Amino acid sequence: MTATERGEISVYFLAAPEDRDVCEAIREHLAPVVKSSKVPIEISSDFEAEIGMDVNQHRQKLLDADIVLALISSD
């Protein structure tokens, strides 16, 4: 199913725990785009997985994402 068919765009941050601050900074910079977009934009990351949450369900967000931002760093 495409983003148009779902009615939203899904973005997923894939990064090491040490890069959490970088992901949050990118999310802040994207905030105006998310707010002004005619199509809803959902941003998810590994950092939002809660204790006790079904890992497979959360992993599916990564697999279904329209855009995956993979941050690769020395960490």
C-alpha atoms as a PDB file:
ATOM      1  CA  MET A   1       0.000   0.000   0.000  1.00  0.00           C
ATOM      2  CA  THR A   2       1.438   3.371  -0.989  1.00  0.00           C
ATOM      3  CA  ALA A   3       1.515   6.513   1.123  1.00  0.00           C
ATOM      4  CA  THR A   4      -1.208   8.011  -1.057  1.00  0.00           C
ATOM      5  CA  GLU A   5      -3.462   5.010  -0.512  1.00  0.00           C
ATOM      6  CA  ARG A   6      -2.872   5.153   3.266  1.00  0.00           C
ATOM      7  CA  GLY A   7      -3.369   8.902   3.335  1.00  0.00           C
ATOM      8  CA  GLU A   8      -0.142   9.559   5.220  1.00  0.00           C
ATOM      9  CA  ILE A   9       3.626   9.501   4.841  1.00  0.00           C
ATOM     10  CA  SER A  10       5.571   7.349   7.261  1.00  0.00           C
ATOM     11  CA  VAL A  11       9.152   8.280   8.222  1.00  0.00           C
ATOM     12  CA  TYR A  12      11.347   6.072  10.410  1.00  0.00           C
ATOM     13  CA  PHE A  13      14.629   7.032  12.119  1.00  0.00           C
ATOM     14  CA  LEU A  14      17.043   4.113  12.348  1.00  0.00           C
ATOM     15  CA  ALA A  15      20.000   4.994  14.571  1.00  0.00           C
ATOM     16  CA  ALA A  16      22.194   3.878  17.427  1.00  0.00           C
ATOM     17  CA  PRO A  17      21.114   4.923  20.923  1.00  0.00           C
ATOM     18  CA  GLU A  18      24.093   7.288  21.019  1.00  0.00           C
ATOM     19  CA  ASP A  19      22.540   9.241  18.119  1.00  0.00           C
ATOM     20  CA  ARG A  20      19.231   9.917  19.821  1.00  0.00           C
ATOM     21  CA  ASP A  21      20.024  13.642  20.180  1.00  0.00           C
ATOM     22  CA  VAL A  22      20.733  13.899  16.446  1.00  0.00           C
ATOM     23  CA  CYS A  23      17.390  12.261  15.650  1.00  0.00           C
ATOM     24  CA  GLU A  24      15.584  14.663  17.961  1.00  0.00           C
ATOM     25  CA  ALA A  25      17.314  17.627  16.298  1.00  0.00           C
ATOM     26  CA  ILE A  26      16.239  16.399  12.852  1.00  0.00           C
ATOM     27  CA  ARG A  27      12.685  15.898  14.145  1.00  0.00           C
ATOM     28  CA  GLU A  28      12.656  19.513  15.387  1.00  0.00           C
ATOM     29  CA  HIS A  29      13.842  20.774  11.994  1.00  0.00           C
ATOM     30  CA  LEU A  30      11.119  18.738  10.272  1.00  0.00           C
ATOM     31  CA  ALA A  31       8.371  20.028  12.594  1.00  0.00           C
ATOM     32  CA  PRO A  32       7.344  22.953  10.335  1.00  0.00           C
ATOM     33  CA  VAL A  33       7.116  20.601   7.347  1.00  0.00           C
ATOM     34  CA  VAL A  34       5.027  18.115   9.327  1.00  0.00           C
ATOM     35  CA  LYS A  35       2.691  20.873  10.550  1.00  0.00           C
ATOM     36  CA  SER A  36       2.199  22.467   7.133  1.00  0.00           C
ATOM     37  CA  SER A  37       1.943  19.284   5.067  1.00  0.00           C
ATOM     38  CA  LYS A  38      -1.398  18.585   3.400  1.00  0.00           C
ATOM     39  CA  VAL A  39      -0.673  14.884   3.843  1.00  0.00           C
ATOM     40  CA  PRO A  40      -0.191  13.739   7.454  1.00  0.00           C
ATOM     41  CA  ILE A  41       3.397  12.751   8.233  1.00  0.00           C
ATOM     42  CA  GLU A  42       4.099  10.191  10.952  1.00  0.00           C
ATOM     43  CA  ILE A  43       7.642  10.030  12.339  1.00  0.00           C
ATOM     44  CA  SER A  44       8.715   6.947  14.300  1.00  0.00           C
ATOM     45  CA  SER A  45      11.959   5.554  15.645  1.00  0.00           C
ATOM     46  CA  ASP A  46      13.417   2.779  17.758  1.00  0.00           C
ATOM     47  CA  PHE A  47      13.520   5.273  20.616  1.00  0.00           C
ATOM     48  CA  GLU A  48       9.726   5.179  20.891  1.00  0.00           C
ATOM     49  CA  ALA A  49       9.524   1.451  21.594  1.00  0.00           C
ATOM     50  CA  GLU A  50       8.081   1.099  25.068  1.00  0.00           C
ATOM     51  CA  ILE A  51       8.857  -1.595  27.602  1.00  0.00           C
ATOM     52  CA  GLY A  52       6.511  -4.511  27.072  1.00  0.00           C
ATOM     53  CA  MET A  53       5.592  -3.398  23.550  1.00  0.00           C
ATOM     54  CA  ASP A  54       5.318  -6.123  20.918  1.00  0.00           C
ATOM     55  CA  VAL A  55       8.690  -5.963  19.163  1.00  0.00           C
ATOM     56  CA  ASN A  56       7.322  -7.380  15.910  1.00  0.00           C
ATOM     57  CA  GLN A  57       4.573  -4.778  15.805  1.00  0.00           C
ATOM     58  CA  HIS A  58       7.087  -1.983  16.305  1.00  0.00           C
ATOM     59  CA  ARG A  59       9.511  -3.503  13.758  1.00  0.00           C
ATOM     60  CA  GLN A  60       6.673  -3.482  11.229  1.00  0.00           C
ATOM     61  CA  LYS A  61       6.705   0.340  11.376  1.00  0.00           C
ATOM     62  CA  LEU A  62      10.265   0.217  10.047  1.00  0.00           C
ATOM     63  CA  LEU A  63       9.354  -2.235   7.302  1.00  0.00           C
ATOM     64  CA  ASP A  64       6.270  -0.232   6.263  1.00  0.00           C
ATOM     65  CA  ALA A  65       7.959   3.186   6.307  1.00  0.00           C
ATOM     66  CA  ASP A  66       7.928   5.234   3.119  1.00  0.00           C
ATOM     67  CA  ILE A  67      11.188   6.927   4.148  1.00  0.00           C
ATOM     68  CA  VAL A  68      13.876   5.411   6.381  1.00  0.00           C
ATOM     69  CA  LEU A  69      16.524   7.809   7.662  1.00  0.00           C
ATOM     70  CA  ALA A  70      19.466   5.598   8.588  1.00  0.00           C
ATOM     71  CA  LEU A  71      21.966   7.580  10.622  1.00  0.00           C
ATOM     72  CA  ILE A  72      25.372   5.968  10.418  1.00  0.00           C
ATOM     73  CA  SER A  73      27.993   7.323  12.769  1.00  0.00           C
ATOM     74  CA  SER A  74      31.163   6.259  14.498  1.00  0.00           C
ATOM     75  CA  ASP A  75      29.035   5.148  17.450  1.00  0.00           C
END
